Amino acid sequence: MKYLVWDIDGTLIKTGRAGLHALKQTMLDLYSIETDFDFPAGGRTDRFITYELLKKVANIPLTEQEQHSHKILKYYEEILPAFLQQYQGEIMPNVTAILDFIAPQQNTYTSTLLTGNTLKGAIAKMHRYGLKHYFDFSLGVFGDNSICRNELSQQFLQNLQNLQPQINPKDIIIIGDTLHDIECAQHIGAKCIAVATGSVNLETLSQANPWRAYAELPTPLEFVKLFRA
């Protein structure tokens, strides 16, 4: 069994920056502040992003930041579906074709998610672009669980080992578009397919030594050939 562990934003889809706009609206509604994202958010978890945003809000003690992080994410999740409808995005090249091709091969491939999005945020995005049915959400790990993506991959491996103690990490293939995706795969000894369909170019991704790197995902036949070599 090969576990195909997908990132969402920049890998499966682009949302027209709907999530960013929803977070800006969240900060405006909850704290009456205009937010500019002056930190690199690509590949980061939503919890990490909330802590960065809270640095812009005065007079919040460190002991209360976790409580405020949860409040931000809860409000964001409530308004995100409307923003996903408002902003036009797209499914990345070859994504649907690959998912359609491997879907009948359930004894060979399992597709799930490792994403900085919260669980509810991931469901909203996958539902909006008609991809939700392809993924086993029970195996997925999401950005409400940690501020660190490496912790998410470690959690995914531990969850899988609880189900299959003899799992080989090389049978886990993390597919993503940032250096954080590559790093979190290497952190657990998994393979990584890096795609330059997000904000990081192919040369930069390749320099981080992923298992494979592409300008965009290959065709379904080329994709499955990777696992038969």
C-alpha atoms as a PDB file:
ATOM      1  CA  MET A   1       0.000   0.000   0.000  1.00  0.00           C
ATOM      2  CA  LYS A   2       1.230   3.453  -0.917  1.00  0.00           C
ATOM      3  CA  TYR A   3      -0.062   6.317   1.189  1.00  0.00           C
ATOM      4  CA  LEU A   4      -0.372   9.466  -0.905  1.00  0.00           C
ATOM      5  CA  VAL A   5      -0.437  12.331   1.559  1.00  0.00           C
ATOM      6  CA  TRP A   6      -1.478  15.559  -0.123  1.00  0.00           C
ATOM      7  CA  ASP A   7      -1.056  19.203   0.746  1.00  0.00           C
ATOM      8  CA  ILE A   8      -3.969  21.414  -0.344  1.00  0.00           C
ATOM      9  CA  ASP A   9      -3.111  25.023  -1.225  1.00  0.00           C
ATOM     10  CA  GLY A  10      -0.805  25.316  -4.199  1.00  0.00           C
ATOM     11  CA  THR A  11      -0.727  21.523  -4.642  1.00  0.00           C
ATOM     12  CA  LEU A  12      -4.314  20.375  -5.167  1.00  0.00           C
ATOM     13  CA  ILE A  13      -5.960  23.753  -5.644  1.00  0.00           C
ATOM     14  CA  LYS A  14      -5.585  27.503  -5.587  1.00  0.00           C
ATOM     15  CA  THR A  15      -8.480  29.396  -4.031  1.00  0.00           C
ATOM     16  CA  GLY A  16      -7.879  32.896  -5.341  1.00  0.00           C
ATOM     17  CA  ARG A  17      -6.443  33.655  -1.891  1.00  0.00           C
ATOM     18  CA  ALA A  18      -9.875  33.162  -0.341  1.00  0.00           C
ATOM     19  CA  GLY A  19      -8.379  31.902   2.901  1.00  0.00           C
ATOM     20  CA  LEU A  20      -6.146  34.951   3.238  1.00  0.00           C
ATOM     21  CA  HIS A  21      -9.097  37.269   2.649  1.00  0.00           C
ATOM     22  CA  ALA A  22     -11.159  35.342   5.205  1.00  0.00           C
ATOM     23  CA  LEU A  23      -8.377  35.701   7.775  1.00  0.00           C
ATOM     24  CA  LYS A  24      -8.107  39.422   7.081  1.00  0.00           C
ATOM     25  CA  GLN A  25     -11.860  39.760   7.627  1.00  0.00           C
ATOM     26  CA  THR A  26     -11.597  37.701  10.811  1.00  0.00           C
ATOM     27  CA  MET A  27      -8.972  40.015  12.279  1.00  0.00           C
ATOM     28  CA  LEU A  28     -10.983  43.062  11.271  1.00  0.00           C
ATOM     29  CA  ASP A  29     -14.188  41.721  12.822  1.00  0.00           C
ATOM     30  CA  LEU A  30     -12.639  40.404  16.039  1.00  0.00           C
ATOM     31  CA  TYR A  31      -9.910  42.964  16.714  1.00  0.00           C
ATOM     32  CA  SER A  32     -10.715  45.927  14.447  1.00  0.00           C
ATOM     33  CA  ILE A  33      -7.299  45.805  12.779  1.00  0.00           C
ATOM     34  CA  GLU A  34      -6.317  45.785   9.138  1.00  0.00           C
ATOM     35  CA  THR A  35      -3.903  42.933   8.537  1.00  0.00           C
ATOM     36  CA  ASP A  36      -1.162  42.680   5.984  1.00  0.00           C
ATOM     37  CA  PHE A  37       0.594  39.326   5.719  1.00  0.00           C
ATOM     38  CA  ASP A  38       4.180  40.503   6.088  1.00  0.00           C
ATOM     39  CA  PHE A  39       5.460  37.027   6.938  1.00  0.00           C
ATOM     40  CA  PRO A  40       5.783  33.911   4.720  1.00  0.00           C
ATOM     41  CA  ALA A  41       2.606  31.911   5.218  1.00  0.00           C
ATOM     42  CA  GLY A  42       3.083  29.285   2.491  1.00  0.00           C
ATOM     43  CA  GLY A  43       3.418  25.808   3.968  1.00  0.00           C
ATOM     44  CA  ARG A  44       2.665  27.045   7.470  1.00  0.00           C
ATOM     45  CA  THR A  45      -0.141  25.733   9.635  1.00  0.00           C
ATOM     46  CA  ASP A  46      -3.197  27.833  10.361  1.00  0.00           C
ATOM     47  CA  ARG A  47      -2.309  27.788  14.059  1.00  0.00           C
ATOM     48  CA  PHE A  48       1.142  29.192  13.279  1.00  0.00           C
ATOM     49  CA  ILE A  49      -0.468  31.928  11.189  1.00  0.00           C
ATOM     50  CA  THR A  50      -2.826  32.915  14.001  1.00  0.00           C
ATOM     51  CA  TYR A  51       0.079  33.347  16.413  1.00  0.00           C
ATOM     52  CA  GLU A  52       1.853  35.560  13.874  1.00  0.00           C
ATOM     53  CA  LEU A  53      -1.307  37.634  13.445  1.00  0.00           C
ATOM     54  CA  LEU A  54      -1.714  37.975  17.198  1.00  0.00           C
ATOM     55  CA  LYS A  55       1.645  39.748  17.348  1.00  0.00           C
ATOM     56  CA  LYS A  56      -0.158  42.670  15.704  1.00  0.00           C
ATOM     57  CA  VAL A  57      -2.785  42.838  18.453  1.00  0.00           C
ATOM     58  CA  ALA A  58      -1.782  44.854  21.497  1.00  0.00           C
ATOM     59  CA  ASN A  59      -2.217  43.833  25.121  1.00  0.00           C
ATOM     60  CA  ILE A  60      -2.781  40.089  24.710  1.00  0.00           C
ATOM     61  CA  PRO A  61      -0.725  38.249  27.357  1.00  0.00           C
ATOM     62  CA  LEU A  62       1.225  35.199  26.218  1.00  0.00           C
ATOM     63  CA  THR A  63      -0.855  33.076  28.573  1.00  0.00           C
ATOM     64  CA  GLU A  64      -3.998  33.985  26.602  1.00  0.00           C
ATOM     65  CA  GLN A  65      -2.664  33.569  23.072  1.00  0.00           C
ATOM     66  CA  GLU A  66      -3.801  29.975  22.681  1.00  0.00           C
ATOM     67  CA  GLN A  67      -7.341  30.965  23.643  1.00  0.00           C
ATOM     68  CA  HIS A  68      -7.284  33.784  21.082  1.00  0.00           C
ATOM     69  CA  SER A  69      -5.839  31.459  18.434  1.00  0.00           C
ATOM     70  CA  HIS A  70      -8.806  29.119  18.877  1.00  0.00           C
ATOM     71  CA  LYS A  71     -11.207  32.066  18.694  1.00  0.00           C
ATOM     72  CA  ILE A  72      -9.654  33.279  15.429  1.00  0.00           C
ATOM     73  CA  LEU A  73      -9.773  29.835  13.832  1.00  0.00           C
ATOM     74  CA  LYS A  74     -13.369  29.224  14.895  1.00  0.00           C
ATOM     75  CA  TYR A  75     -14.532  32.504  13.370  1.00  0.00           C
ATOM     76  CA  TYR A  76     -12.407  31.956  10.250  1.00  0.00           C
ATOM     77  CA  GLU A  77     -13.927  28.502   9.713  1.00  0.00           C
ATOM     78  CA  GLU A  78     -17.413  29.981   9.938  1.00  0.00           C
ATOM     79  CA  ILE A  79     -16.843  32.607   7.237  1.00  0.00           C
ATOM     80  CA  LEU A  80     -14.468  30.671   4.962  1.00  0.00           C
ATOM     81  CA  PRO A  81     -17.147  28.929   2.823  1.00  0.00           C
ATOM     82  CA  ALA A  82     -18.582  32.295   1.751  1.00  0.00           C
ATOM     83  CA  PHE A  83     -15.130  33.548   0.768  1.00  0.00           C
ATOM     84  CA  LEU A  84     -14.457  30.359  -1.195  1.00  0.00           C
ATOM     85  CA  GLN A  85     -17.586  31.089  -3.214  1.00  0.00           C
ATOM     86  CA  GLN A  86     -16.663  34.748  -3.680  1.00  0.00           C
ATOM     87  CA  TYR A  87     -13.127  34.210  -5.000  1.00  0.00           C
ATOM     88  CA  GLN A  88     -12.412  32.198  -8.131  1.00  0.00           C
ATOM     89  CA  GLY A  89      -9.740  29.540  -7.842  1.00  0.00           C
ATOM     90  CA  GLU A  90      -8.704  26.451  -9.767  1.00  0.00           C
ATOM     91  CA  ILE A  91      -7.697  22.817  -9.476  1.00  0.00           C
ATOM     92  CA  MET A  92      -4.025  22.290 -10.270  1.00  0.00           C
ATOM     93  CA  PRO A  93      -2.994  20.488 -13.495  1.00  0.00           C
ATOM     94  CA  ASN A  94      -3.450  16.692 -13.568  1.00  0.00           C
ATOM     95  CA  VAL A  95      -4.848  16.563 -10.020  1.00  0.00           C
ATOM     96  CA  THR A  96      -8.326  15.320 -10.913  1.00  0.00           C
ATOM     97  CA  ALA A  97      -6.966  12.948 -13.549  1.00  0.00           C
ATOM     98  CA  ILE A  98      -4.577  11.344 -11.051  1.00  0.00           C
ATOM     99  CA  LEU A  99      -7.189  11.086  -8.311  1.00  0.00           C
ATOM    100  CA  ASP A 100      -9.685   9.534 -10.743  1.00  0.00           C
ATOM    101  CA  PHE A 101      -7.066   7.083 -11.998  1.00  0.00           C
ATOM    102  CA  ILE A 102      -6.001   5.799  -8.587  1.00  0.00           C
ATOM    103  CA  ALA A 103      -9.433   5.889  -6.889  1.00  0.00           C
ATOM    104  CA  PRO A 104     -10.444   2.361  -8.055  1.00  0.00           C
ATOM    105  CA  GLN A 105      -7.105   0.951  -6.865  1.00  0.00           C
ATOM    106  CA  GLN A 106      -7.937   1.018  -3.162  1.00  0.00           C
ATOM    107  CA  ASN A 107      -5.735  -1.968  -2.381  1.00  0.00           C
ATOM    108  CA  THR A 108      -2.725  -0.152  -3.830  1.00  0.00           C
ATOM    109  CA  TYR A 109      -3.203   3.536  -3.024  1.00  0.00           C
ATOM    110  CA  THR A 110      -4.775   5.506  -0.201  1.00  0.00           C
ATOM    111  CA  SER A 111      -5.085   9.270  -0.575  1.00  0.00           C
ATOM    112  CA  THR A 112      -5.260  11.446   2.502  1.00  0.00           C
ATOM    113  CA  LEU A 113      -4.218  14.950   3.588  1.00  0.00           C
ATOM    114  CA  LEU A 114      -1.389  16.548   5.499  1.00  0.00           C
ATOM    115  CA  THR A 115      -2.164  20.226   5.429  1.00  0.00           C
ATOM    116  CA  GLY A 116      -1.719  23.429   7.359  1.00  0.00           C
ATOM    117  CA  ASN A 117      -5.462  23.961   7.030  1.00  0.00           C
ATOM    118  CA  THR A 118      -7.689  23.140   9.961  1.00  0.00           C
ATOM    119  CA  LEU A 119      -9.904  20.096   9.505  1.00  0.00           C
ATOM    120  CA  LYS A 120     -12.997  22.244   8.891  1.00  0.00           C
ATOM    121  CA  GLY A 121     -11.025  24.527   6.570  1.00  0.00           C
ATOM    122  CA  ALA A 122      -9.767  21.531   4.587  1.00  0.00           C
ATOM    123  CA  ILE A 123     -13.274  20.088   4.275  1.00  0.00           C
ATOM    124  CA  ALA A 124     -14.617  23.449   3.090  1.00  0.00           C
ATOM    125  CA  LYS A 125     -11.934  23.793   0.420  1.00  0.00           C
ATOM    126  CA  MET A 126     -12.216  20.200  -0.808  1.00  0.00           C
ATOM    127  CA  HIS A 127     -16.006  20.462  -0.935  1.00  0.00           C
ATOM    128  CA  ARG A 128     -15.859  23.748  -2.858  1.00  0.00           C
ATOM    129  CA  TYR A 129     -13.674  22.207  -5.587  1.00  0.00           C
ATOM    130  CA  GLY A 130     -15.403  18.821  -5.704  1.00  0.00           C
ATOM    131  CA  LEU A 131     -12.435  16.826  -4.377  1.00  0.00           C
ATOM    132  CA  LYS A 132     -13.615  15.821  -0.897  1.00  0.00           C
ATOM    133  CA  HIS A 133     -14.688  12.285  -1.855  1.00  0.00           C
ATOM    134  CA  TYR A 134     -11.189  11.290  -2.943  1.00  0.00           C
ATOM    135  CA  PHE A 135      -9.621  11.528   0.523  1.00  0.00           C
ATOM    136  CA  ASP A 136      -9.639   9.467   3.697  1.00  0.00           C
ATOM    137  CA  PHE A 137     -10.059  12.226   6.261  1.00  0.00           C
ATOM    138  CA  SER A 138      -9.770   9.752   9.151  1.00  0.00           C
ATOM    139  CA  LEU A 139      -6.060   9.348   8.360  1.00  0.00           C
ATOM    140  CA  GLY A 140      -5.402  13.026   7.681  1.00  0.00           C
ATOM    141  CA  VAL A 141      -3.570  15.482   9.912  1.00  0.00           C
ATOM    142  CA  PHE A 142      -4.484  19.139  10.002  1.00  0.00           C
ATOM    143  CA  GLY A 143      -3.230  22.546  11.025  1.00  0.00           C
ATOM    144  CA  ASP A 144      -5.377  22.861  14.128  1.00  0.00           C
ATOM    145  CA  ASN A 145      -3.154  20.207  15.761  1.00  0.00           C
ATOM    146  CA  SER A 146       0.189  22.020  15.772  1.00  0.00           C
ATOM    147  CA  ILE A 147       2.029  25.181  14.813  1.00  0.00           C
ATOM    148  CA  CYS A 148       4.780  23.033  13.247  1.00  0.00           C
ATOM    149  CA  ARG A 149       4.400  21.001  10.052  1.00  0.00           C
ATOM    150  CA  ASN A 150       7.090  18.513  11.120  1.00  0.00           C
ATOM    151  CA  GLU A 151       4.924  17.656  14.110  1.00  0.00           C
ATOM    152  CA  LEU A 152       2.053  16.952  11.720  1.00  0.00           C
ATOM    153  CA  SER A 153       4.111  14.455   9.710  1.00  0.00           C
ATOM    154  CA  GLN A 154       5.320  12.813  12.917  1.00  0.00           C
ATOM    155  CA  GLN A 155       1.729  12.537  14.085  1.00  0.00           C
ATOM    156  CA  PHE A 156       0.700  11.026  10.749  1.00  0.00           C
ATOM    157  CA  LEU A 157       3.440   8.381  10.975  1.00  0.00           C
ATOM    158  CA  GLN A 158       2.537   7.517  14.555  1.00  0.00           C
ATOM    159  CA  ASN A 159      -1.154   7.191  13.685  1.00  0.00           C
ATOM    160  CA  LEU A 160      -0.299   4.914  10.782  1.00  0.00           C
ATOM    161  CA  GLN A 161       2.062   2.822  12.906  1.00  0.00           C
ATOM    162  CA  ASN A 162      -0.752   2.325  15.409  1.00  0.00           C
ATOM    163  CA  LEU A 163      -2.769   0.758  12.594  1.00  0.00           C
ATOM    164  CA  GLN A 164       0.136  -0.968  10.851  1.00  0.00           C
ATOM    165  CA  PRO A 165       3.169  -1.430  13.122  1.00  0.00           C
ATOM    166  CA  GLN A 166       5.299  -2.709  10.228  1.00  0.00           C
ATOM    167  CA  ILE A 167       4.676   0.289   7.963  1.00  0.00           C
ATOM    168  CA  ASN A 168       7.702   1.369   5.956  1.00  0.00           C
ATOM    169  CA  PRO A 169       8.001   5.190   5.920  1.00  0.00           C
ATOM    170  CA  LYS A 170       9.148   4.907   2.284  1.00  0.00           C
ATOM    171  CA  ASP A 171       5.579   3.862   1.455  1.00  0.00           C
ATOM    172  CA  ILE A 172       4.436   7.313   2.573  1.00  0.00           C
ATOM    173  CA  ILE A 173       4.603   9.898  -0.207  1.00  0.00           C
ATOM    174  CA  ILE A 174       3.997  13.492   0.848  1.00  0.00           C
ATOM    175  CA  ILE A 175       2.978  15.683  -2.083  1.00  0.00           C
ATOM    176  CA  GLY A 176       3.372  19.428  -1.681  1.00  0.00           C
ATOM    177  CA  ASP A 177       4.530  22.716  -3.124  1.00  0.00           C
ATOM    178  CA  THR A 178       6.765  24.232  -0.425  1.00  0.00           C
ATOM    179  CA  LEU A 179      10.036  23.589   1.336  1.00  0.00           C
ATOM    180  CA  HIS A 180       8.035  22.819   4.471  1.00  0.00           C
ATOM    181  CA  ASP A 181       6.405  19.851   2.703  1.00  0.00           C
ATOM    182  CA  ILE A 182       9.827  18.498   1.742  1.00  0.00           C
ATOM    183  CA  GLU A 183      11.197  19.026   5.235  1.00  0.00           C
ATOM    184  CA  CYS A 184       8.288  17.320   6.978  1.00  0.00           C
ATOM    185  CA  ALA A 185       8.623  14.285   4.677  1.00  0.00           C
ATOM    186  CA  GLN A 186      12.365  14.044   5.345  1.00  0.00           C
ATOM    187  CA  HIS A 187      11.669  14.416   9.073  1.00  0.00           C
ATOM    188  CA  ILE A 188       9.945  11.000   9.132  1.00  0.00           C
ATOM    189  CA  GLY A 189      11.922   9.282   6.382  1.00  0.00           C
ATOM    190  CA  ALA A 190       9.058   9.512   3.877  1.00  0.00           C
ATOM    191  CA  LYS A 191       9.304  10.357   0.192  1.00  0.00           C
ATOM    192  CA  CYS A 192       8.241  13.734  -1.142  1.00  0.00           C
ATOM    193  CA  ILE A 193       6.937  14.735  -4.541  1.00  0.00           C
ATOM    194  CA  ALA A 194       7.430  18.488  -4.801  1.00  0.00           C
ATOM    195  CA  VAL A 195       5.486  20.490  -7.370  1.00  0.00           C
ATOM    196  CA  ALA A 196       6.204  24.065  -8.389  1.00  0.00           C
ATOM    197  CA  THR A 197       2.538  24.968  -8.759  1.00  0.00           C
ATOM    198  CA  GLY A 198       2.556  27.177  -5.677  1.00  0.00           C
ATOM    199  CA  SER A 199       4.805  30.057  -4.702  1.00  0.00           C
ATOM    200  CA  VAL A 200       8.173  28.240  -4.793  1.00  0.00           C
ATOM    201  CA  ASN A 201       9.978  27.701  -8.085  1.00  0.00           C
ATOM    202  CA  LEU A 202      11.248  24.339  -9.301  1.00  0.00           C
ATOM    203  CA  GLU A 203      14.929  25.146  -8.839  1.00  0.00           C
ATOM    204  CA  THR A 204      14.446  26.077  -5.187  1.00  0.00           C
ATOM    205  CA  LEU A 205      12.372  22.974  -4.513  1.00  0.00           C
ATOM    206  CA  SER A 206      14.933  20.732  -6.229  1.00  0.00           C
ATOM    207  CA  GLN A 207      17.757  22.130  -4.129  1.00  0.00           C
ATOM    208  CA  ALA A 208      15.998  20.786  -1.017  1.00  0.00           C
ATOM    209  CA  ASN A 209      16.406  17.213  -2.363  1.00  0.00           C
ATOM    210  CA  PRO A 210      12.852  15.893  -2.539  1.00  0.00           C
ATOM    211  CA  TRP A 211      12.375  12.367  -3.908  1.00  0.00           C
ATOM    212  CA  ARG A 212      10.948  13.883  -7.106  1.00  0.00           C
ATOM    213  CA  ALA A 213      10.345  17.469  -8.225  1.00  0.00           C
ATOM    214  CA  TYR A 214       8.135  18.653 -11.083  1.00  0.00           C
ATOM    215  CA  ALA A 215       6.955  21.908 -12.567  1.00  0.00           C
ATOM    216  CA  GLU A 216       3.492  20.387 -12.264  1.00  0.00           C
ATOM    217  CA  LEU A 217       2.130  16.962 -11.464  1.00  0.00           C
ATOM    218  CA  PRO A 218       2.780  14.404 -14.229  1.00  0.00           C
ATOM    219  CA  THR A 219       0.072  12.520 -16.109  1.00  0.00           C
ATOM    220  CA  PRO A 220      -1.632   9.657 -14.250  1.00  0.00           C
ATOM    221  CA  LEU A 221       0.375   6.961 -16.049  1.00  0.00           C
ATOM    222  CA  GLU A 222       3.649   8.729 -15.373  1.00  0.00           C
ATOM    223  CA  PHE A 223       2.587   9.286 -11.777  1.00  0.00           C
ATOM    224  CA  VAL A 224       1.889   5.621 -10.978  1.00  0.00           C
ATOM    225  CA  LYS A 225       5.049   4.504 -12.793  1.00  0.00           C
ATOM    226  CA  LEU A 226       6.984   6.251 -10.032  1.00  0.00           C
ATOM    227  CA  PHE A 227       5.861   3.572  -7.596  1.00  0.00           C
ATOM    228  CA  ARG A 228       6.539   0.594  -9.866  1.00  0.00           C
ATOM    229  CA  ALA A 229      10.217   1.271 -10.450  1.00  0.00           C
END
